[in-house]
C-alpha atoms as a PDB file:
ATOM      1  CA  MET A   1     184.090-164.946 -71.108  1.00  0.00           C
ATOM      2  CA  ARG A   2     184.464-165.606 -74.827  1.00  0.00           C
ATOM      3  CA  LEU A   3     185.955-162.119 -75.256  1.00  0.00           C
ATOM      4  CA  ALA A   4     188.419-162.844 -72.452  1.00  0.00           C
ATOM      5  CA  ILE A   5     189.381-166.079 -74.224  1.00  0.00           C
ATOM      6  CA  GLU A   6     190.058-164.095 -77.384  1.00  0.00           C
ATOM      7  CA  GLN A   7     192.346-161.818 -75.374  1.00  0.00           C
ATOM      8  CA  ALA A   8     194.131-164.910 -74.033  1.00  0.00           C
ATOM      9  CA  ARG A   9     194.705-166.088 -77.599  1.00  0.00           C
ATOM     10  CA  ARG A  10     196.270-162.712 -78.393  1.00  0.00           C
ATOM     11  CA  ALA A  11     198.649-163.140 -75.462  1.00  0.00           C
ATOM     12  CA  ALA A  12     199.657-166.612 -76.652  1.00  0.00           C
ATOM     13  CA  ALA A  13     200.331-165.295 -80.163  1.00  0.00           C
ATOM     14  CA  LEU A  14     202.804-162.855 -78.591  1.00  0.00           C
ATOM     15  CA  GLY A  15     204.530-165.573 -76.578  1.00  0.00           C
ATOM     16  CA  GLU A  16     202.873-164.524 -73.321  1.00  0.00           C
ATOM     17  CA  VAL A  17     201.048-166.873 -70.957  1.00  0.00           C
ATOM     18  CA  PRO A  18     197.519-166.969 -72.420  1.00  0.00           C
ATOM     19  CA  VAL A  19     195.424-165.067 -69.910  1.00  0.00           C
ATOM     20  CA  GLY A  20     192.802-162.589 -71.041  1.00  0.00           C
ATOM     21  CA  CYS A  21     190.468-160.229 -69.235  1.00  0.00           C
ATOM     22  CA  VAL A  22     187.507-157.985 -70.037  1.00  0.00           C
ATOM     23  CA  ILE A  23     185.703-155.555 -67.773  1.00  0.00           C
ATOM     24  CA  VAL A  24     182.006-154.897 -68.241  1.00  0.00           C
ATOM     25  CA  LYS A  25     179.810-152.128 -66.864  1.00  0.00           C
ATOM     26  CA  ASP A  26     176.078-151.943 -67.495  1.00  0.00           C
ATOM     27  CA  GLY A  27     176.385-154.707 -70.082  1.00  0.00           C
ATOM     28  CA  VAL A  28     179.059-152.893 -72.112  1.00  0.00           C
ATOM     29  CA  VAL A  29     182.718-153.899 -72.370  1.00  0.00           C
ATOM     30  CA  ILE A  30     184.706-150.892 -71.139  1.00  0.00           C
ATOM     31  CA  SER A  31     188.171-152.444 -71.287  1.00  0.00           C
ATOM     32  CA  SER A  32     190.161-155.538 -72.060  1.00  0.00           C
ATOM     33  CA  GLY A  33     193.673-156.806 -71.597  1.00  0.00           C
ATOM     34  CA  HIS A  34     195.926-159.776 -71.987  1.00  0.00           C
ATOM     35  CA  ASN A  35     199.098-160.860 -70.257  1.00  0.00           C
ATOM     36  CA  ALA A  36     202.128-158.798 -71.311  1.00  0.00           C
ATOM     37  CA  PRO A  37     204.824-158.974 -68.608  1.00  0.00           C
ATOM     38  CA  ILE A  38     207.427-160.340 -71.037  1.00  0.00           C
ATOM     39  CA  GLY A  39     206.818-157.812 -73.799  1.00  0.00           C
ATOM     40  CA  LEU A  40     206.431-154.866 -71.446  1.00  0.00           C
ATOM     41  CA  HIS A  41     209.260-155.946 -69.128  1.00  0.00           C
ATOM     42  CA  ASP A  42     206.804-155.421 -66.284  1.00  0.00           C
ATOM     43  CA  PRO A  43     206.013-158.050 -63.656  1.00  0.00           C
ATOM     44  CA  THR A  44     202.686-156.317 -62.954  1.00  0.00           C
ATOM     45  CA  ALA A  45     201.474-156.476 -66.579  1.00  0.00           C
ATOM     46  CA  HIS A  46     198.954-159.230 -65.926  1.00  0.00           C
ATOM     47  CA  ALA A  47     195.778-159.215 -68.009  1.00  0.00           C
ATOM     48  CA  GLU A  48     193.694-158.055 -65.065  1.00  0.00           C
ATOM     49  CA  ILE A  49     195.977-155.163 -64.146  1.00  0.00           C
ATOM     50  CA  LEU A  50     196.085-153.879 -67.729  1.00  0.00           C
ATOM     51  CA  ALA A  51     192.301-154.163 -68.031  1.00  0.00           C
ATOM     52  CA  LEU A  52     191.790-152.411 -64.670  1.00  0.00           C
ATOM     53  CA  ARG A  53     194.063-149.547 -65.735  1.00  0.00           C
ATOM     54  CA  ALA A  54     192.184-149.141 -69.021  1.00  0.00           C
ATOM     55  CA  ALA A  55     188.802-149.310 -67.270  1.00  0.00           C
ATOM     56  CA  ALA A  56     189.857-146.644 -64.753  1.00  0.00           C
ATOM     57  CA  GLN A  57     190.915-144.390 -67.627  1.00  0.00           C
ATOM     58  CA  HIS A  58     187.624-145.054 -69.400  1.00  0.00           C
ATOM     59  CA  GLU A  59     185.643-144.237 -66.262  1.00  0.00           C
ATOM     60  CA  HIS A  60     187.884-141.319 -65.225  1.00  0.00           C
ATOM     61  CA  ASN A  61     187.904-142.888 -61.783  1.00  0.00           C
ATOM     62  CA  TYR A  62     190.079-145.348 -59.916  1.00  0.00           C
ATOM     63  CA  ARG A  63     186.923-146.825 -58.388  1.00  0.00           C
ATOM     64  CA  LEU A  64     185.198-149.283 -60.691  1.00  0.00           C
ATOM     65  CA  GLU A  65     181.983-149.740 -58.755  1.00  0.00           C
ATOM     66  CA  GLY A  66     179.346-151.641 -60.681  1.00  0.00           C
ATOM     67  CA  CYS A  67     181.954-153.297 -62.899  1.00  0.00           C
ATOM     68  CA  ASP A  68     182.289-157.007 -63.532  1.00  0.00           C
ATOM     69  CA  VAL A  69     185.616-158.643 -64.378  1.00  0.00           C
ATOM     70  CA  PHE A  70     185.811-161.697 -66.633  1.00  0.00           C
ATOM     71  CA  VAL A  71     189.211-163.415 -66.728  1.00  0.00           C
ATOM     72  CA  THR A  72     190.333-166.754 -68.105  1.00  0.00           C
ATOM     73  CA  LEU A  73     192.420-167.732 -65.058  1.00  0.00           C
ATOM     74  CA  GLU A  74     191.762-167.339 -61.355  1.00  0.00           C
ATOM     75  CA  PRO A  75     193.547-164.151 -60.281  1.00  0.00           C
ATOM     76  CA  CYS A  76     196.741-164.105 -58.236  1.00  0.00           C
ATOM     77  CA  ALA A  77     196.932-162.137 -54.981  1.00  0.00           C
ATOM     78  CA  MET A  78     198.251-159.020 -56.765  1.00  0.00           C
ATOM     79  CA  CYS A  79     195.372-158.940 -59.226  1.00  0.00           C
ATOM     80  CA  ALA A  80     192.764-159.856 -56.621  1.00  0.00           C
ATOM     81  CA  GLY A  81     194.029-157.055 -54.397  1.00  0.00           C
ATOM     82  CA  ALA A  82     193.874-154.561 -57.245  1.00  0.00           C
ATOM     83  CA  MET A  83     190.298-155.604 -58.026  1.00  0.00           C
ATOM     84  CA  LEU A  84     189.301-155.127 -54.401  1.00  0.00           C
ATOM     85  CA  HIS A  85     190.943-151.701 -54.272  1.00  0.00           C
ATOM     86  CA  ALA A  86     189.042-150.806 -57.452  1.00  0.00           C
ATOM     87  CA  ARG A  87     185.802-151.918 -55.779  1.00  0.00           C
ATOM     88  CA  ILE A  88     184.671-154.244 -58.556  1.00  0.00           C
ATOM     89  CA  ARG A  89     181.261-155.789 -58.084  1.00  0.00           C
ATOM     90  CA  ARG A  90     181.837-159.277 -59.457  1.00  0.00           C
ATOM     91  CA  LEU A  91     184.599-161.590 -60.634  1.00  0.00           C
ATOM     92  CA  VAL A  92     183.978-164.387 -63.117  1.00  0.00           C
ATOM     93  CA  PHE A  93     186.902-166.617 -64.030  1.00  0.00           C
ATOM     94  CA  GLY A  94     187.525-169.699 -66.113  1.00  0.00           C
ATOM     95  CA  ALA A  95     190.336-171.979 -64.962  1.00  0.00           C
ATOM     96  CA  PHE A  96     191.208-172.489 -61.325  1.00  0.00           C
ATOM     97  CA  GLU A  97     194.855-171.823 -60.372  1.00  0.00           C
ATOM     98  CA  PRO A  98     195.781-174.346 -57.658  1.00  0.00           C
ATOM     99  CA  LYS A  99     199.292-172.909 -57.149  1.00  0.00           C
ATOM    100  CA  SER A 100     198.552-169.195 -56.740  1.00  0.00           C
ATOM    101  CA  GLY A 101     194.815-168.566 -57.073  1.00  0.00           C
ATOM    102  CA  ALA A 102     193.482-165.912 -54.716  1.00  0.00           C
ATOM    103  CA  ALA A 103     189.773-166.403 -55.394  1.00  0.00           C
ATOM    104  CA  GLY A 104     189.369-169.724 -53.622  1.00  0.00           C
ATOM    105  CA  SER A 105     192.125-172.134 -54.674  1.00  0.00           C
ATOM    106  CA  VAL A 106     194.972-171.094 -52.356  1.00  0.00           C
ATOM    107  CA  LEU A 107     193.168-168.288 -50.545  1.00  0.00           C
ATOM    108  CA  ASN A 108     190.085-166.171 -51.136  1.00  0.00           C
ATOM    109  CA  LEU A 109     190.701-162.456 -50.832  1.00  0.00           C
ATOM    110  CA  PHE A 110     187.238-161.669 -52.195  1.00  0.00           C
ATOM    111  CA  ASP A 111     185.487-163.227 -49.228  1.00  0.00           C
ATOM    112  CA  ASN A 112     187.969-162.306 -46.492  1.00  0.00           C
ATOM    113  CA  PRO A 113     186.015-160.822 -43.561  1.00  0.00           C
ATOM    114  CA  SER A 114     189.045-158.740 -42.521  1.00  0.00           C
ATOM    115  CA  LEU A 115     188.941-156.701 -45.732  1.00  0.00           C
ATOM    116  CA  ASN A 116     186.627-153.734 -46.201  1.00  0.00           C
ATOM    117  CA  HIS A 117     185.407-154.647 -49.706  1.00  0.00           C
ATOM    118  CA  HIS A 118     184.018-157.902 -51.012  1.00  0.00           C
ATOM    119  CA  ALA A 119     182.992-159.047 -54.461  1.00  0.00           C
ATOM    120  CA  THR A 120     181.041-162.041 -55.614  1.00  0.00           C
ATOM    121  CA  CYS A 121     183.069-164.722 -57.395  1.00  0.00           C
ATOM    122  CA  THR A 122     182.127-167.404 -59.865  1.00  0.00           C
ATOM    123  CA  GLY A 123     184.818-169.785 -61.044  1.00  0.00           C
ATOM    124  CA  GLY A 124     184.906-172.503 -63.649  1.00  0.00           C
ATOM    125  CA  VAL A 125     183.095-170.638 -66.442  1.00  0.00           C
ATOM    126  CA  LEU A 126     184.218-172.165 -69.760  1.00  0.00           C
ATOM    127  CA  ALA A 127     186.990-173.733 -67.690  1.00  0.00           C
ATOM    128  CA  SER A 128     187.834-176.517 -70.138  1.00  0.00           C
ATOM    129  CA  GLU A 129     188.434-174.009 -72.938  1.00  0.00           C
ATOM    130  CA  CYS A 130     190.571-171.824 -70.670  1.00  0.00           C
ATOM    131  CA  VAL A 131     192.568-174.797 -69.377  1.00  0.00           C
ATOM    132  CA  GLU A 132     193.091-176.076 -72.927  1.00  0.00           C
ATOM    133  CA  LEU A 133     194.665-172.759 -73.962  1.00  0.00           C
ATOM    134  CA  LEU A 134     197.055-172.842 -71.007  1.00  0.00           C
ATOM    135  CA  GLN A 135     197.966-176.499 -71.474  1.00  0.00           C
ATOM    136  CA  ALA A 136     198.630-176.084 -75.199  1.00  0.00           C
ATOM    137  CA  PHE A 137     200.825-173.049 -74.526  1.00  0.00           C
ATOM    138  CA  PHE A 138     202.961-174.772 -71.887  1.00  0.00           C
ATOM    139  CA  LYS A 139     203.150-178.023 -73.854  1.00  0.00           C
ATOM    140  CA  ALA A 140     204.539-176.105 -76.826  1.00  0.00           C
ATOM    141  CA  ARG A 141     207.091-174.404 -74.553  1.00  0.00           C
ATOM    142  CA  ARG A 142     208.257-177.725 -73.104  1.00  0.00           C
ATOM    143  CA  HIS A 143     208.293-179.582 -76.427  1.00  0.00           C
ATOM    144  CA  PRO A 144     209.309-177.297 -79.304  1.00  0.00           C
ATOM    145  CA  VAL A 145     208.174-178.311 -82.780  1.00  0.00           C
ATOM    146  CA  ALA A 146     209.935-181.465 -83.932  1.00  0.00           C
ATOM    147  CA  SER A 147     210.966-179.764 -87.182  1.00  0.00           C
ATOM    148  CA  ASN A 148     213.327-177.514 -85.218  1.00  0.00           C
ATOM    149  CA  ALA A 149     215.141-180.574 -83.862  1.00  0.00           C
ATOM    150  CA  SER A 150     215.371-182.262 -87.252  1.00  0.00           C
ATOM    151  CA  SER A 151     216.737-179.153 -88.965  1.00  0.00           C
ATOM    152  CA  ALA A 152     219.752-179.249 -86.617  1.00  0.00           C
ATOM    153  CA  SER A 153     220.945-182.585 -88.032  1.00  0.00           C
END
């Protein structure tokens, strides 16, 4: 999860919502990603999607069986669906997302009996650190540095 947090910091440095993701297979990181929808002009460029794409390229397979995903924020429905289609083994996430989380907060796609693939989920890992990154990012967006306001006078 610490590597995913580092990816989230990279996203924040680029002005993107600080979400980071790493994918691990057999104890080895095979891919990573951070949010980039603004920079890439792509609404699907979430950290998880970018990491899944890179992992599939690494594995030369769109199925990522035996892979574990570590992400700083509970995935949305798009990302959860992509993980299920990729057949990941396990999801570990940091902060819960009460407005759009699809791993237990709003709905749980990973444990839906109607779907043909399931993955184990663990949420809340290093949650306070993940939440702190998100809160600091959005606080800075709502309240720009005071020096900008004073330079206008």
